[in-house]
Amino acid sequence: MTWDEEKRKILSRFPGVSIVCGTAGGEARTEVYGVSDKESGTSVERDTVFPGCSVSKFVTALIVMRMQESKMIDIDCKVNDYLRQWKLLTPNGKLSEATIRSILCHTAGIVDDEDGFCGWRREDPEIRLADVLDGTTKYNQRPVVAEMPLGMFFEYSDAGYCVLQQMIEDVTGKAYDEAAKEMVFKRLGLSNTFFATPQNVADYQAKMTTGYDEEGNPIPGRFPVIPDLAASGLWSTGEELLTIASEFSLALQGKSTFLRRETALEMIKPVEKFTWTGLGVFLEGEETVVSRGWGENGQCMIKLDVRTGEICIVMTNANPGVDQADSGIEWLVNHSMTMNKRGN
């Protein structure tokens, strides 16, 4: 099978796809395919907004690290030092010693509900962040506690990022989506990137892709409700995600006014015992940083080559039922980076 045949095969698995490649400070190369909504036949455009899913954690980490630079927090202090409305406890009811850093890199001992963090619909009752943290709804039925010893286990956790969401709100005194807009999106000039509060969905829904499940059926209400914004509530375009990733790449080179070089390097420093994880990102060796998102209504991926500054982003609007390696998203990222290097 030729590369073109493989690419067409993968693209056929998703109603709509956006592929954007570029380098920090350079021009972007954008390809869009398919439809954002099968029922209306609306074509994907460059400003079509896709679900970022867990790429949200990368953005959340940027917010946290900018707060660190502003001396609003110290990521090596206990998260409970900054929580006001809610506290992270251990199973015996004592205050957890978990640090902000440990939550960013998923080593705080927080374990997700096995069937949680999905399935909520727009017609369902509104869920507050406190409900998620307390485990009082079907969206998350497991109270968020630090169940395992600090730093001993890697446990990928949406719940942990809910704790960070609460911390950001408590420290800034702002709603999480407003803090994100002020600290990241406005600073980078992004107009089509947001966290999916009900008001933001109402404002942007004409540009938002309809999500499709593993069987190809549309998600009721077009897209799910995501109360855990910091973990998986991001929406953006491929080009605006490239802007975020490019600024991070510039920071790694010491060429950003958005984030200091030492801060960006701290984010990609391998965690002791778990060398594949950094702070809000994952690492593939010493030269590659990745952020992956996979939810009910889409799958996406960012890949950044630290050495060359090359970046590629793929966003889609369907859940393929398998991870990025098996769905072909990772192949699209790698192939597109190769083609971009060649200038094809």
Protein backbone atom coordinates (compact mmCIF):
# COMPACT_ATOMS: atom_id res chain seq x y z
CA MET A 1 0.00 0.00 0.00
CA THR A 2 1.36 3.43 -0.94
CA TRP A 3 1.50 6.34 1.48
CA ASP A 4 -1.38 8.04 -0.34
CA GLU A 5 -3.49 4.90 -0.10
CA GLU A 6 -2.73 4.54 3.61
CA LYS A 7 -3.61 8.18 4.19
CA ARG A 8 -6.96 7.86 2.39
CA LYS A 9 -7.73 4.71 4.36
CA ILE A 10 -7.15 6.48 7.67
CA LEU A 11 -9.02 9.63 6.67
CA SER A 12 -12.05 7.50 5.76
CA ARG A 13 -12.39 6.45 9.40
CA PHE A 14 -13.30 9.96 10.49
CA PRO A 15 -16.06 12.29 9.25
CA GLY A 16 -13.77 15.30 9.54
CA VAL A 17 -10.03 15.82 9.96
CA SER A 18 -7.73 18.82 10.36
CA ILE A 19 -3.97 18.38 9.90
CA VAL A 20 -1.64 21.29 10.62
CA CYS A 21 2.15 21.25 10.50
CA GLY A 22 4.73 23.95 10.98
CA THR A 23 7.66 25.19 13.00
CA ALA A 24 7.83 27.68 15.83
CA GLY A 25 7.52 31.11 14.31
CA GLY A 26 7.13 29.72 10.80
CA GLU A 27 4.22 29.36 8.40
CA ALA A 28 1.62 26.68 8.97
CA ARG A 29 0.65 24.10 6.40
CA THR A 30 -3.03 23.18 6.83
CA GLU A 31 -5.04 20.34 5.31
CA VAL A 32 -8.75 19.84 6.04
CA TYR A 33 -10.88 16.89 5.01
CA GLY A 34 -14.47 15.75 5.23
CA VAL A 35 -17.38 17.19 7.15
CA SER A 36 -17.93 18.68 10.56
CA ASP A 37 -21.52 17.41 10.52
CA LYS A 38 -22.61 14.45 8.38
CA GLU A 39 -26.31 15.25 8.57
CA SER A 40 -25.96 18.76 7.13
CA GLY A 41 -22.88 17.98 5.02
CA THR A 42 -21.05 21.00 6.45
CA SER A 43 -17.45 20.90 5.26
CA VAL A 44 -14.48 21.17 7.59
CA GLU A 45 -12.83 24.58 7.25
CA ARG A 46 -9.65 26.03 8.69
CA ASP A 47 -11.65 27.68 11.48
CA THR A 48 -13.71 24.59 12.31
CA VAL A 49 -13.47 23.91 16.04
CA PHE A 50 -12.67 20.33 17.16
CA PRO A 51 -12.62 18.74 20.62
CA GLY A 52 -9.16 18.76 22.20
CA CYS A 53 -10.11 16.14 24.81
CA SER A 54 -7.06 15.44 27.02
CA VAL A 55 -4.89 17.95 25.19
CA SER A 56 -6.67 20.11 27.78
CA LYS A 57 -4.11 18.87 30.30
CA PHE A 58 -1.28 20.50 28.33
CA VAL A 59 -3.12 23.84 28.45
CA THR A 60 -3.89 23.37 32.15
CA ALA A 61 -0.20 22.74 32.79
CA LEU A 62 0.66 25.97 30.96
CA ILE A 63 -1.76 27.87 33.22
CA VAL A 64 -0.26 26.29 36.32
CA MET A 65 3.30 27.03 35.21
CA ARG A 66 2.45 30.64 34.39
CA MET A 67 1.01 30.90 37.91
CA GLN A 68 4.31 29.49 39.17
CA GLU A 69 6.23 32.16 37.26
CA SER A 70 4.01 34.84 38.78
CA LYS A 71 4.71 33.41 42.26
CA MET A 72 1.01 32.76 42.81
CA ILE A 73 1.85 29.15 43.66
CA ASP A 74 4.80 26.84 44.20
CA ILE A 75 4.29 23.55 42.37
CA ASP A 76 6.42 21.72 44.93
CA CYS A 77 4.07 22.72 47.74
CA LYS A 78 1.04 20.68 48.76
CA VAL A 79 -2.01 21.37 46.63
CA ASN A 80 -4.02 21.62 49.86
CA ASP A 81 -2.04 24.76 50.71
CA TYR A 82 -3.94 26.51 47.92
CA LEU A 83 -7.33 24.79 47.97
CA ARG A 84 -10.02 26.78 49.77
CA GLN A 85 -13.46 25.33 49.00
CA TRP A 86 -12.46 21.66 49.00
CA LYS A 87 -9.55 19.57 50.27
CA LEU A 88 -7.79 16.53 48.86
CA LEU A 89 -7.90 13.77 51.46
CA THR A 90 -6.44 10.30 51.92
CA PRO A 91 -8.73 7.26 52.41
CA ASN A 92 -8.49 7.66 56.19
CA GLY A 93 -9.74 11.24 55.99
CA LYS A 94 -6.41 13.00 56.57
CA LEU A 95 -5.13 15.84 54.42
CA SER A 96 -3.09 14.53 51.48
CA GLU A 97 0.56 15.48 51.09
CA ALA A 98 0.21 15.48 47.28
CA THR A 99 2.04 18.33 45.59
CA ILE A 100 0.89 20.27 42.56
CA ARG A 101 3.82 18.79 40.64
CA SER A 102 2.73 15.23 41.47
CA ILE A 103 -0.77 15.90 40.14
CA LEU A 104 0.57 17.43 36.93
CA CYS A 105 2.57 14.26 36.22
CA HIS A 106 -0.06 11.77 37.47
CA THR A 107 1.93 10.45 40.44
CA ALA A 108 -0.22 11.86 43.25
CA GLY A 109 -2.00 8.54 43.86
CA ILE A 110 -5.39 9.75 42.60
CA VAL A 111 -7.35 6.98 40.87
CA ASP A 112 -10.20 7.61 38.41
CA ASP A 113 -13.57 5.91 38.48
CA GLU A 114 -13.23 3.13 35.90
CA ASP A 115 -16.46 4.11 34.10
CA GLY A 116 -16.35 7.81 34.90
CA PHE A 117 -15.73 11.04 33.04
CA CYS A 118 -17.97 10.32 30.07
CA GLY A 119 -21.59 9.95 29.06
CA TRP A 120 -23.10 13.23 30.25
CA ARG A 121 -25.43 14.90 27.76
CA ARG A 122 -26.69 18.41 27.19
CA GLU A 123 -30.21 17.53 28.38
CA ASP A 124 -28.89 16.11 31.66
CA PRO A 125 -28.83 18.15 34.89
CA GLU A 126 -25.92 20.56 35.25
CA ILE A 127 -22.94 19.19 37.17
CA ARG A 128 -20.76 21.40 39.35
CA LEU A 129 -17.06 20.80 39.78
CA ALA A 130 -17.78 20.07 43.46
CA ASP A 131 -20.10 17.24 42.38
CA VAL A 132 -17.30 15.70 40.32
CA LEU A 133 -14.79 16.01 43.15
CA ASP A 134 -17.20 14.51 45.67
CA GLY A 135 -18.19 11.66 43.34
CA THR A 136 -21.91 12.31 43.76
CA THR A 137 -23.14 11.89 40.17
CA LYS A 138 -23.10 9.15 37.55
CA TYR A 139 -20.50 11.19 35.68
CA ASN A 140 -18.01 10.35 38.43
CA GLN A 141 -19.11 8.03 41.23
CA ARG A 142 -15.70 7.77 42.92
CA PRO A 143 -14.86 10.54 45.40
CA VAL A 144 -11.54 12.12 44.53
CA VAL A 145 -8.98 11.10 47.15
CA ALA A 146 -5.25 10.36 47.11
CA GLU A 147 -5.57 6.59 47.40
CA MET A 148 -2.02 5.42 46.73
CA PRO A 149 1.35 6.47 48.19
CA LEU A 150 2.68 9.72 46.79
CA GLY A 151 5.16 9.29 43.94
CA MET A 152 5.12 5.50 43.95
CA PHE A 153 2.75 4.85 41.05
CA PHE A 154 1.85 6.43 37.72
CA GLU A 155 -1.94 6.64 37.49
CA TYR A 156 -3.30 8.70 34.59
CA SER A 157 -6.01 10.79 36.20
CA ASP A 158 -8.73 13.11 34.94
CA ALA A 159 -9.76 13.46 38.59
CA GLY A 160 -6.35 14.87 39.46
CA TYR A 161 -6.79 17.62 36.91
CA CYS A 162 -10.20 18.39 38.46
CA VAL A 163 -8.24 19.13 41.64
CA LEU A 164 -6.00 21.48 39.65
CA GLN A 165 -9.09 23.14 38.16
CA GLN A 166 -10.39 23.82 41.67
CA MET A 167 -6.99 25.12 42.76
CA ILE A 168 -6.78 27.51 39.80
CA GLU A 169 -10.22 28.88 40.58
CA ASP A 170 -9.42 29.27 44.28
CA VAL A 171 -6.10 31.03 43.71
CA THR A 172 -7.16 33.30 40.85
CA GLY A 173 -10.68 33.99 42.10
CA LYS A 174 -11.92 33.39 38.55
CA ALA A 175 -13.90 30.68 36.81
CA TYR A 176 -11.50 28.22 35.21
CA ASP A 177 -12.43 29.11 31.63
CA GLU A 178 -11.93 32.80 32.35
CA ALA A 179 -8.54 32.15 33.91
CA ALA A 180 -7.55 30.14 30.81
CA LYS A 181 -8.73 32.93 28.51
CA GLU A 182 -6.82 35.59 30.44
CA MET A 183 -3.61 33.65 31.01
CA VAL A 184 -3.29 31.77 27.71
CA PHE A 185 -5.81 32.38 24.95
CA LYS A 186 -5.84 36.19 24.93
CA ARG A 187 -2.07 36.36 25.37
CA LEU A 188 -1.63 34.22 22.27
CA GLY A 189 -4.31 35.97 20.22
CA LEU A 190 -6.61 32.93 19.96
CA SER A 191 -10.22 33.59 18.98
CA ASN A 192 -11.48 30.05 18.39
CA THR A 193 -10.08 28.27 21.45
CA PHE A 194 -12.09 27.87 24.65
CA PHE A 195 -13.17 25.55 27.42
CA ALA A 196 -16.69 24.20 26.97
CA THR A 197 -18.80 25.93 29.58
CA PRO A 198 -22.51 26.14 28.64
CA GLN A 199 -22.07 29.81 27.70
CA ASN A 200 -19.01 29.16 25.54
CA VAL A 201 -20.78 26.30 23.78
CA ALA A 202 -23.73 28.59 23.06
CA ASP A 203 -21.35 31.20 21.64
CA TYR A 204 -19.30 28.83 19.45
CA GLN A 205 -21.60 25.94 18.56
CA ALA A 206 -22.00 27.02 14.93
CA LYS A 207 -18.26 26.31 14.45
CA MET A 208 -18.08 23.18 16.64
CA THR A 209 -17.92 19.76 15.02
CA THR A 210 -20.61 17.20 15.71
CA GLY A 211 -19.06 14.23 17.49
CA TYR A 212 -19.58 10.61 16.42
CA ASP A 213 -19.29 7.44 18.46
CA GLU A 214 -17.58 4.16 17.59
CA GLU A 215 -20.57 3.08 15.50
CA GLY A 216 -20.63 6.33 13.54
CA ASN A 217 -23.71 7.66 15.32
CA PRO A 218 -23.86 11.32 16.33
CA ILE A 219 -23.53 12.09 20.03
CA PRO A 220 -26.97 13.14 21.34
CA GLY A 221 -26.95 16.91 21.45
CA ARG A 222 -24.00 16.90 18.96
CA PHE A 223 -21.31 16.83 21.67
CA PRO A 224 -21.04 15.67 25.28
CA VAL A 225 -21.03 17.83 28.38
CA ILE A 226 -17.58 18.03 29.99
CA PRO A 227 -17.64 19.49 33.53
CA ASP A 228 -14.00 18.49 34.11
CA LEU A 229 -12.75 21.33 31.93
CA ALA A 230 -9.11 21.22 32.99
CA ALA A 231 -8.89 17.52 32.14
CA SER A 232 -10.78 17.33 28.86
CA GLY A 233 -12.97 20.35 28.09
CA LEU A 234 -10.78 22.13 25.51
CA TRP A 235 -12.02 23.01 22.00
CA SER A 236 -9.80 24.55 19.34
CA THR A 237 -8.79 24.58 15.70
CA GLY A 238 -5.71 22.82 14.37
CA GLU A 239 -4.09 26.15 13.56
CA GLU A 240 -4.70 27.61 17.01
CA LEU A 241 -3.37 24.48 18.70
CA LEU A 242 -0.29 24.97 16.55
CA THR A 243 0.00 28.50 17.91
CA ILE A 244 0.02 27.15 21.48
CA ALA A 245 2.52 24.42 20.67
CA SER A 246 4.71 26.87 18.70
CA GLU A 247 4.86 29.25 21.64
CA PHE A 248 5.88 26.37 23.88
CA SER A 249 8.58 25.45 21.37
CA LEU A 250 9.81 29.05 21.32
CA ALA A 251 9.91 28.97 25.11
CA LEU A 252 12.14 25.89 24.98
CA GLN A 253 14.50 27.94 22.79
CA GLY A 254 14.38 30.93 25.14
CA LYS A 255 12.56 33.04 22.53
CA SER A 256 9.13 33.46 24.18
CA THR A 257 7.69 36.28 26.26
CA PHE A 258 4.80 33.97 27.18
CA LEU A 259 6.80 31.38 29.14
CA ARG A 260 10.38 31.33 30.41
CA ARG A 261 12.85 28.81 29.04
CA GLU A 262 13.52 27.26 32.44
CA THR A 263 9.79 26.80 32.95
CA ALA A 264 9.30 25.07 29.60
CA LEU A 265 12.33 22.86 30.23
CA GLU A 266 10.89 21.91 33.62
CA MET A 267 7.73 20.72 31.86
CA ILE A 268 9.68 18.29 29.67
CA LYS A 269 12.02 17.06 32.39
CA PRO A 270 11.44 13.29 32.77
CA VAL A 271 9.85 12.33 36.07
CA GLU A 272 11.95 10.07 38.27
CA LYS A 273 10.81 6.42 37.88
CA PHE A 274 8.37 7.41 35.10
CA THR A 275 10.55 8.85 32.37
CA TRP A 276 7.80 8.97 29.75
CA THR A 277 5.93 11.72 31.58
CA GLY A 278 6.61 15.41 32.12
CA LEU A 279 4.29 18.08 33.49
CA GLY A 280 1.07 17.99 31.46
CA VAL A 281 2.84 16.36 28.51
CA PHE A 282 4.37 13.01 27.60
CA LEU A 283 7.87 12.29 26.35
CA GLU A 284 9.17 9.94 23.67
CA GLY A 285 12.89 9.92 24.28
CA GLU A 286 14.81 13.17 24.69
CA GLU A 287 13.63 14.89 21.54
CA THR A 288 9.88 14.38 21.24
CA VAL A 289 7.01 15.86 23.25
CA VAL A 290 3.46 14.64 22.69
CA SER A 291 -0.03 15.45 23.91
CA ARG A 292 -2.89 13.11 23.05
CA GLY A 293 -6.63 13.52 23.34
CA TRP A 294 -9.29 10.84 23.03
CA GLY A 295 -12.93 11.20 24.00
CA GLU A 296 -16.46 10.27 23.08
CA ASN A 297 -16.55 12.77 20.26
CA GLY A 298 -13.03 12.92 18.85
CA GLN A 299 -9.40 11.95 18.87
CA CYS A 300 -6.38 14.21 18.37
CA MET A 301 -2.64 14.46 18.87
CA ILE A 302 0.16 17.04 19.05
CA LYS A 303 3.76 16.05 18.35
CA LEU A 304 6.70 18.42 18.83
CA ASP A 305 10.32 17.76 17.87
CA VAL A 306 12.38 19.59 20.49
CA ARG A 307 15.52 19.54 18.34
CA THR A 308 14.08 20.95 15.11
CA GLY A 309 11.04 22.79 16.45
CA GLU A 310 8.78 20.95 14.00
CA ILE A 311 5.21 20.43 15.14
CA CYS A 312 2.24 18.50 13.77
CA ILE A 313 -1.35 18.42 14.97
CA VAL A 314 -4.19 16.15 13.90
CA MET A 315 -7.76 16.73 15.11
CA THR A 316 -10.87 14.66 14.34
CA ASN A 317 -14.54 14.49 15.32
CA ALA A 318 -15.09 10.78 15.98
CA ASN A 319 -14.19 8.20 18.58
CA PRO A 320 -12.47 5.38 16.66
CA GLY A 321 -12.63 3.01 19.62
CA VAL A 322 -8.87 2.39 19.60
CA ASP A 323 -5.86 4.47 20.55
CA GLN A 324 -3.95 6.83 18.26
CA ALA A 325 -1.47 4.17 17.17
CA ASP A 326 -4.21 1.81 16.05
CA SER A 327 -6.62 4.40 14.66
CA GLY A 328 -3.99 5.88 12.35
CA ILE A 329 -3.83 9.30 13.99
CA GLU A 330 -0.21 8.74 14.98
CA TRP A 331 0.61 7.62 11.43
CA LEU A 332 -0.98 10.80 10.06
CA VAL A 333 1.10 12.90 12.44
CA ASN A 334 4.36 11.17 11.55
CA HIS A 335 3.63 11.08 7.81
CA SER A 336 2.62 14.75 7.75
CA MET A 337 5.78 15.78 9.58
CA THR A 338 7.86 13.86 7.07
CA MET A 339 6.06 15.44 4.13
CA ASN A 340 6.38 18.88 5.67
CA LYS A 341 10.15 18.43 6.03
CA ARG A 342 10.34 17.54 2.34
CA GLY A 343 8.21 20.55 1.40
CA ASN A 344 5.58 18.34 -0.28
